[in-house]
């Protein structure tokens, strides 16, 4: 797990969602794709997730679902991403088994990341580092956490929160293995160019 980690926006228009996602996957490489739509109802969520998973399968990109462990099992998705108020990592690992990817939001909390790693997380996510157009964070995560985490965290580290190719660069240099992006790709004038610019950070 290394490179651009694509996270979907809260778009109801499934055709638009699939079109822009496919542009990004074609530009690739994309390390992971997470389906995240906080406002979708169960039927819409299932429809969008199934369509995105089929797209990811064609492009051989691991497909994760934000929060909804039951939907992950229903679709046999590649894994889930768990936020701070979602199910515990250890319980979800026991439920899904060893073969699935489980990510954990750790914000600016290194002890949380250590606990998530011990409980079986496949990666830990730190942030937000910068103001985000999509997600609201109570505090800003200091970049120094990556150096501290690299001494004790052995799973990949993701950075999230207002990421652009420019402001993600020092975080990648500081030890981040993946950069999670929503708006910087999905709202870019050129999706392919945005993907290329993120991937250039890892070249």
C-alpha atoms as a PDB file:
ATOM      1  CA  UNK A   1       0.000   0.000   0.000  1.00  0.00           C
ATOM      2  CA  UNK A   2       1.845   2.989  -1.347  1.00  0.00           C
ATOM      3  CA  UNK A   3       0.771   6.089  -3.278  1.00  0.00           C
ATOM      4  CA  UNK A   4      -2.555   7.799  -3.954  1.00  0.00           C
ATOM      5  CA  UNK A   5      -5.492   6.679  -1.812  1.00  0.00           C
ATOM      6  CA  UNK A   6      -8.677   7.837  -3.544  1.00  0.00           C
ATOM      7  CA  UNK A   7     -11.772   8.569  -1.428  1.00  0.00           C
ATOM      8  CA  UNK A   8     -15.130   9.284  -3.059  1.00  0.00           C
ATOM      9  CA  UNK A   9     -17.149  12.469  -2.463  1.00  0.00           C
ATOM     10  CA  UNK A  10     -20.802  12.659  -1.358  1.00  0.00           C
ATOM     11  CA  UNK A  11     -22.168  12.567  -4.882  1.00  0.00           C
ATOM     12  CA  UNK A  12     -25.670  11.243  -5.538  1.00  0.00           C
ATOM     13  CA  UNK A  13     -25.175  11.193  -9.314  1.00  0.00           C
ATOM     14  CA  UNK A  14     -23.869   7.672  -9.873  1.00  0.00           C
ATOM     15  CA  UNK A  15     -23.001   8.271 -13.537  1.00  0.00           C
ATOM     16  CA  UNK A  16     -20.832  11.251 -12.615  1.00  0.00           C
ATOM     17  CA  UNK A  17     -19.276   9.329  -9.723  1.00  0.00           C
ATOM     18  CA  UNK A  18     -18.365   6.377 -11.929  1.00  0.00           C
ATOM     19  CA  UNK A  19     -17.131   8.568 -14.788  1.00  0.00           C
ATOM     20  CA  UNK A  20     -14.694  10.584 -12.684  1.00  0.00           C
ATOM     21  CA  UNK A  21     -13.581   7.515 -10.740  1.00  0.00           C
ATOM     22  CA  UNK A  22     -12.819   5.682 -13.971  1.00  0.00           C
ATOM     23  CA  UNK A  23     -10.803   8.645 -15.242  1.00  0.00           C
ATOM     24  CA  UNK A  24      -8.722   8.488 -12.060  1.00  0.00           C
ATOM     25  CA  UNK A  25      -8.243   4.718 -12.217  1.00  0.00           C
ATOM     26  CA  UNK A  26      -7.265   4.886 -15.881  1.00  0.00           C
ATOM     27  CA  UNK A  27      -4.696   7.569 -15.070  1.00  0.00           C
ATOM     28  CA  UNK A  28      -3.448   5.506 -12.073  1.00  0.00           C
ATOM     29  CA  UNK A  29      -1.876   3.899 -10.344  1.00  0.00           C
ATOM     30  CA  UNK A  30      -4.246   4.189  -7.380  1.00  0.00           C
ATOM     31  CA  UNK A  31      -3.235   2.331  -4.229  1.00  0.00           C
ATOM     32  CA  UNK A  32      -6.723   2.023  -2.724  1.00  0.00           C
ATOM     33  CA  UNK A  33     -10.204   3.352  -3.377  1.00  0.00           C
ATOM     34  CA  UNK A  34     -12.604   4.005  -0.510  1.00  0.00           C
ATOM     35  CA  UNK A  35     -16.321   4.481  -1.018  1.00  0.00           C
ATOM     36  CA  UNK A  36     -17.494   7.169   1.371  1.00  0.00           C
ATOM     37  CA  UNK A  37     -20.926   8.779   1.166  1.00  0.00           C
ATOM     38  CA  UNK A  38     -22.103   9.892   4.583  1.00  0.00           C
ATOM     39  CA  UNK A  39     -25.535  11.019   3.387  1.00  0.00           C
ATOM     40  CA  UNK A  40     -26.565   8.025   1.265  1.00  0.00           C
ATOM     41  CA  UNK A  41     -29.416   5.762   2.282  1.00  0.00           C
ATOM     42  CA  UNK A  42     -28.983   1.965   2.346  1.00  0.00           C
ATOM     43  CA  UNK A  43     -30.275   1.323  -1.186  1.00  0.00           C
ATOM     44  CA  UNK A  44     -28.230   4.107  -2.776  1.00  0.00           C
ATOM     45  CA  UNK A  45     -25.161   3.085  -0.798  1.00  0.00           C
ATOM     46  CA  UNK A  46     -25.459  -0.523  -1.953  1.00  0.00           C
ATOM     47  CA  UNK A  47     -25.971   0.491  -5.593  1.00  0.00           C
ATOM     48  CA  UNK A  48     -23.039   2.901  -5.670  1.00  0.00           C
ATOM     49  CA  UNK A  49     -20.726   0.564  -3.785  1.00  0.00           C
ATOM     50  CA  UNK A  50     -21.465  -2.382  -6.087  1.00  0.00           C
ATOM     51  CA  UNK A  51     -20.849  -0.282  -9.200  1.00  0.00           C
ATOM     52  CA  UNK A  52     -17.597   1.154  -7.818  1.00  0.00           C
ATOM     53  CA  UNK A  53     -16.396  -2.272  -6.775  1.00  0.00           C
ATOM     54  CA  UNK A  54     -16.953  -3.606 -10.298  1.00  0.00           C
ATOM     55  CA  UNK A  55     -14.928  -0.685 -11.640  1.00  0.00           C
ATOM     56  CA  UNK A  56     -12.132  -1.341  -9.154  1.00  0.00           C
ATOM     57  CA  UNK A  57     -12.090  -5.030 -10.035  1.00  0.00           C
ATOM     58  CA  UNK A  58     -11.568  -4.162 -13.700  1.00  0.00           C
ATOM     59  CA  UNK A  59      -8.657  -1.906 -12.810  1.00  0.00           C
ATOM     60  CA  UNK A  60      -7.310  -4.246 -10.111  1.00  0.00           C
ATOM     61  CA  UNK A  61      -7.541  -1.614  -7.380  1.00  0.00           C
ATOM     62  CA  UNK A  62      -8.481  -2.734  -3.831  1.00  0.00           C
ATOM     63  CA  UNK A  63     -11.935  -1.458  -2.890  1.00  0.00           C
ATOM     64  CA  UNK A  64     -12.800  -0.388   0.670  1.00  0.00           C
ATOM     65  CA  UNK A  65     -16.044   0.788   2.226  1.00  0.00           C
ATOM     66  CA  UNK A  66     -16.170   3.521   4.840  1.00  0.00           C
ATOM     67  CA  UNK A  67     -17.787   2.393   8.094  1.00  0.00           C
ATOM     68  CA  UNK A  68     -20.292  -0.195   6.858  1.00  0.00           C
ATOM     69  CA  UNK A  69     -18.860  -3.593   7.759  1.00  0.00           C
ATOM     70  CA  UNK A  70     -22.090  -5.368   6.800  1.00  0.00           C
ATOM     71  CA  UNK A  71     -21.943  -3.926   3.280  1.00  0.00           C
ATOM     72  CA  UNK A  72     -18.313  -4.985   2.997  1.00  0.00           C
ATOM     73  CA  UNK A  73     -19.367  -8.542   3.819  1.00  0.00           C
ATOM     74  CA  UNK A  74     -22.383  -8.404   1.520  1.00  0.00           C
ATOM     75  CA  UNK A  75     -20.258  -7.385  -1.474  1.00  0.00           C
ATOM     76  CA  UNK A  76     -17.131  -9.252  -0.388  1.00  0.00           C
ATOM     77  CA  UNK A  77     -15.263  -5.964  -0.729  1.00  0.00           C
ATOM     78  CA  UNK A  78     -11.539  -5.866  -0.027  1.00  0.00           C
ATOM     79  CA  UNK A  79     -11.961  -4.121   3.316  1.00  0.00           C
ATOM     80  CA  UNK A  80     -13.295  -1.267   5.409  1.00  0.00           C
ATOM     81  CA  UNK A  81     -12.129   2.023   6.815  1.00  0.00           C
ATOM     82  CA  UNK A  82     -13.162   2.720  10.407  1.00  0.00           C
ATOM     83  CA  UNK A  83     -13.567   6.204  11.849  1.00  0.00           C
ATOM     84  CA  UNK A  84     -13.182   7.175  15.471  1.00  0.00           C
ATOM     85  CA  UNK A  85     -16.824   6.519  16.341  1.00  0.00           C
ATOM     86  CA  UNK A  86     -17.191   3.304  14.345  1.00  0.00           C
ATOM     87  CA  UNK A  87     -16.692  -0.302  15.445  1.00  0.00           C
ATOM     88  CA  UNK A  88     -13.477  -1.336  17.192  1.00  0.00           C
ATOM     89  CA  UNK A  89     -10.656  -2.562  14.970  1.00  0.00           C
ATOM     90  CA  UNK A  90     -10.210  -5.810  16.901  1.00  0.00           C
ATOM     91  CA  UNK A  91     -13.881  -6.726  16.662  1.00  0.00           C
ATOM     92  CA  UNK A  92     -13.988  -5.995  12.941  1.00  0.00           C
ATOM     93  CA  UNK A  93     -10.800  -7.976  12.355  1.00  0.00           C
ATOM     94  CA  UNK A  94     -12.386 -10.941  14.104  1.00  0.00           C
ATOM     95  CA  UNK A  95     -15.536 -10.498  12.017  1.00  0.00           C
ATOM     96  CA  UNK A  96     -13.852 -10.110   8.621  1.00  0.00           C
ATOM     97  CA  UNK A  97     -10.856 -12.386   9.090  1.00  0.00           C
ATOM     98  CA  UNK A  98      -7.203 -11.990   8.266  1.00  0.00           C
ATOM     99  CA  UNK A  99      -7.590 -11.467   4.533  1.00  0.00           C
ATOM    100  CA  UNK A 100      -9.397  -8.126   4.519  1.00  0.00           C
ATOM    101  CA  UNK A 101      -7.900  -4.632   4.664  1.00  0.00           C
ATOM    102  CA  UNK A 102      -8.895  -2.640   7.747  1.00  0.00           C
ATOM    103  CA  UNK A 103      -7.948   1.024   8.022  1.00  0.00           C
ATOM    104  CA  UNK A 104      -8.316   3.152  11.119  1.00  0.00           C
ATOM    105  CA  UNK A 105      -8.685   6.912  11.502  1.00  0.00           C
ATOM    106  CA  UNK A 106      -6.307   8.058  14.229  1.00  0.00           C
ATOM    107  CA  UNK A 107      -6.493  11.852  13.765  1.00  0.00           C
ATOM    108  CA  UNK A 108      -3.542  13.312  15.695  1.00  0.00           C
ATOM    109  CA  UNK A 109      -3.585  10.580  18.326  1.00  0.00           C
ATOM    110  CA  UNK A 110      -0.479   8.383  18.319  1.00  0.00           C
ATOM    111  CA  UNK A 111      -1.671   6.098  21.172  1.00  0.00           C
ATOM    112  CA  UNK A 112      -4.829   5.441  19.126  1.00  0.00           C
ATOM    113  CA  UNK A 113      -2.660   4.453  16.173  1.00  0.00           C
ATOM    114  CA  UNK A 114      -0.563   2.116  18.298  1.00  0.00           C
ATOM    115  CA  UNK A 115      -3.718   0.495  19.674  1.00  0.00           C
ATOM    116  CA  UNK A 116      -5.184   0.125  16.174  1.00  0.00           C
ATOM    117  CA  UNK A 117      -1.987  -1.517  14.943  1.00  0.00           C
ATOM    118  CA  UNK A 118      -2.022  -3.940  17.863  1.00  0.00           C
ATOM    119  CA  UNK A 119      -5.680  -4.746  17.205  1.00  0.00           C
ATOM    120  CA  UNK A 120      -4.990  -5.725  13.608  1.00  0.00           C
ATOM    121  CA  UNK A 121      -5.298  -2.588  11.489  1.00  0.00           C
ATOM    122  CA  UNK A 122      -3.786  -2.866   8.014  1.00  0.00           C
ATOM    123  CA  UNK A 123      -2.979   0.848   7.949  1.00  0.00           C
ATOM    124  CA  UNK A 124      -3.487   3.909  10.140  1.00  0.00           C
ATOM    125  CA  UNK A 125      -4.648   7.323   8.919  1.00  0.00           C
ATOM    126  CA  UNK A 126      -3.514  10.600  10.459  1.00  0.00           C
ATOM    127  CA  UNK A 127      -5.184  13.975   9.891  1.00  0.00           C
ATOM    128  CA  UNK A 128      -6.594  16.355   9.025  1.00  0.00           C
ATOM    129  CA  UNK A 129      -3.436  18.240   8.446  1.00  0.00           C
ATOM    130  CA  UNK A 130      -4.990  21.067   6.399  1.00  0.00           C
ATOM    131  CA  UNK A 131      -8.472  22.595   6.075  1.00  0.00           C
ATOM    132  CA  UNK A 132     -10.712  20.272   4.071  1.00  0.00           C
ATOM    133  CA  UNK A 133     -13.578  21.111   1.732  1.00  0.00           C
ATOM    134  CA  UNK A 134     -15.247  17.823   2.677  1.00  0.00           C
ATOM    135  CA  UNK A 135     -14.419  16.804   6.240  1.00  0.00           C
ATOM    136  CA  UNK A 136     -14.437  18.955   9.359  1.00  0.00           C
ATOM    137  CA  UNK A 137     -11.702  18.348  11.929  1.00  0.00           C
ATOM    138  CA  UNK A 138     -11.760  19.715  15.458  1.00  0.00           C
ATOM    139  CA  UNK A 139      -8.013  20.276  15.503  1.00  0.00           C
ATOM    140  CA  UNK A 140      -5.148  20.315  13.047  1.00  0.00           C
ATOM    141  CA  UNK A 141      -2.767  17.370  13.158  1.00  0.00           C
ATOM    142  CA  UNK A 142       0.915  18.413  13.442  1.00  0.00           C
ATOM    143  CA  UNK A 143       3.216  17.019  10.722  1.00  0.00           C
ATOM    144  CA  UNK A 144       5.699  15.986  13.434  1.00  0.00           C
ATOM    145  CA  UNK A 145       3.420  13.073  14.311  1.00  0.00           C
ATOM    146  CA  UNK A 146       4.707  11.181  11.273  1.00  0.00           C
ATOM    147  CA  UNK A 147       8.264  11.153  12.569  1.00  0.00           C
ATOM    148  CA  UNK A 148       7.091  10.047  15.988  1.00  0.00           C
ATOM    149  CA  UNK A 149       4.843   7.376  14.508  1.00  0.00           C
ATOM    150  CA  UNK A 150       7.562   5.977  12.244  1.00  0.00           C
ATOM    151  CA  UNK A 151       9.416   4.828  15.339  1.00  0.00           C
ATOM    152  CA  UNK A 152       6.563   2.610  16.558  1.00  0.00           C
ATOM    153  CA  UNK A 153       4.147   2.081  13.668  1.00  0.00           C
ATOM    154  CA  UNK A 154       4.967  -0.756  11.292  1.00  0.00           C
ATOM    155  CA  UNK A 155       1.861  -0.638   9.100  1.00  0.00           C
ATOM    156  CA  UNK A 156       1.456   1.935   6.307  1.00  0.00           C
ATOM    157  CA  UNK A 157       0.601   5.486   7.368  1.00  0.00           C
ATOM    158  CA  UNK A 158      -1.975   7.539   5.458  1.00  0.00           C
ATOM    159  CA  UNK A 159      -2.335  11.331   5.598  1.00  0.00           C
ATOM    160  CA  UNK A 160      -5.681  13.017   5.015  1.00  0.00           C
ATOM    161  CA  UNK A 161      -7.323  16.416   5.234  1.00  0.00           C
ATOM    162  CA  UNK A 162      -7.142  19.092   2.543  1.00  0.00           C
ATOM    163  CA  UNK A 163      -4.491  17.219   0.572  1.00  0.00           C
ATOM    164  CA  UNK A 164      -3.092  18.703  -2.623  1.00  0.00           C
ATOM    165  CA  UNK A 165      -0.007  17.520  -4.493  1.00  0.00           C
ATOM    166  CA  UNK A 166       1.784  20.614  -3.173  1.00  0.00           C
ATOM    167  CA  UNK A 167       0.946  20.447   0.507  1.00  0.00           C
ATOM    168  CA  UNK A 168       1.181  16.647   0.679  1.00  0.00           C
ATOM    169  CA  UNK A 169       4.824  16.719  -0.456  1.00  0.00           C
ATOM    170  CA  UNK A 170       6.385  17.444   2.970  1.00  0.00           C
ATOM    171  CA  UNK A 171       4.179  14.780   4.561  1.00  0.00           C
ATOM    172  CA  UNK A 172       5.343  12.153   2.076  1.00  0.00           C
ATOM    173  CA  UNK A 173       8.904  13.272   2.731  1.00  0.00           C
ATOM    174  CA  UNK A 174       8.135  12.920   6.437  1.00  0.00           C
ATOM    175  CA  UNK A 175       7.159   9.279   6.127  1.00  0.00           C
ATOM    176  CA  UNK A 176       3.596   9.015   4.800  1.00  0.00           C
ATOM    177  CA  UNK A 177       3.065   5.916   2.659  1.00  0.00           C
ATOM    178  CA  UNK A 178      -0.237   7.046   1.148  1.00  0.00           C
ATOM    179  CA  UNK A 179      -2.020  10.350   0.564  1.00  0.00           C
ATOM    180  CA  UNK A 180      -5.825  10.278   0.759  1.00  0.00           C
ATOM    181  CA  UNK A 181      -7.530  12.717  -1.598  1.00  0.00           C
ATOM    182  CA  UNK A 182     -11.133  13.582  -2.365  1.00  0.00           C
ATOM    183  CA  UNK A 183     -11.691  17.085  -3.769  1.00  0.00           C
ATOM    184  CA  UNK A 184      -8.208  17.486  -5.255  1.00  0.00           C
ATOM    185  CA  UNK A 185      -8.993  14.667  -7.660  1.00  0.00           C
ATOM    186  CA  UNK A 186     -12.780  14.609  -7.989  1.00  0.00           C
ATOM    187  CA  UNK A 187     -13.073  18.367  -8.477  1.00  0.00           C
ATOM    188  CA  UNK A 188      -9.915  18.813 -10.541  1.00  0.00           C
ATOM    189  CA  UNK A 189     -10.072  20.409 -13.986  1.00  0.00           C
ATOM    190  CA  UNK A 190      -7.963  17.483 -15.189  1.00  0.00           C
ATOM    191  CA  UNK A 191      -8.463  14.329 -13.142  1.00  0.00           C
ATOM    192  CA  UNK A 192      -5.600  12.540 -14.898  1.00  0.00           C
ATOM    193  CA  UNK A 193      -3.211  15.422 -14.232  1.00  0.00           C
ATOM    194  CA  UNK A 194      -4.175  15.478 -10.546  1.00  0.00           C
ATOM    195  CA  UNK A 195      -3.526  11.743 -10.242  1.00  0.00           C
ATOM    196  CA  UNK A 196      -0.172  12.131 -12.001  1.00  0.00           C
ATOM    197  CA  UNK A 197       0.842  14.952  -9.665  1.00  0.00           C
ATOM    198  CA  UNK A 198       0.029  12.924  -6.565  1.00  0.00           C
ATOM    199  CA  UNK A 199       1.878   9.898  -7.883  1.00  0.00           C
ATOM    200  CA  UNK A 200       4.901  12.016  -8.698  1.00  0.00           C
ATOM    201  CA  UNK A 201       5.336  12.482  -4.933  1.00  0.00           C
ATOM    202  CA  UNK A 202       6.123   8.781  -4.659  1.00  0.00           C
ATOM    203  CA  UNK A 203       8.318   8.444  -7.741  1.00  0.00           C
END
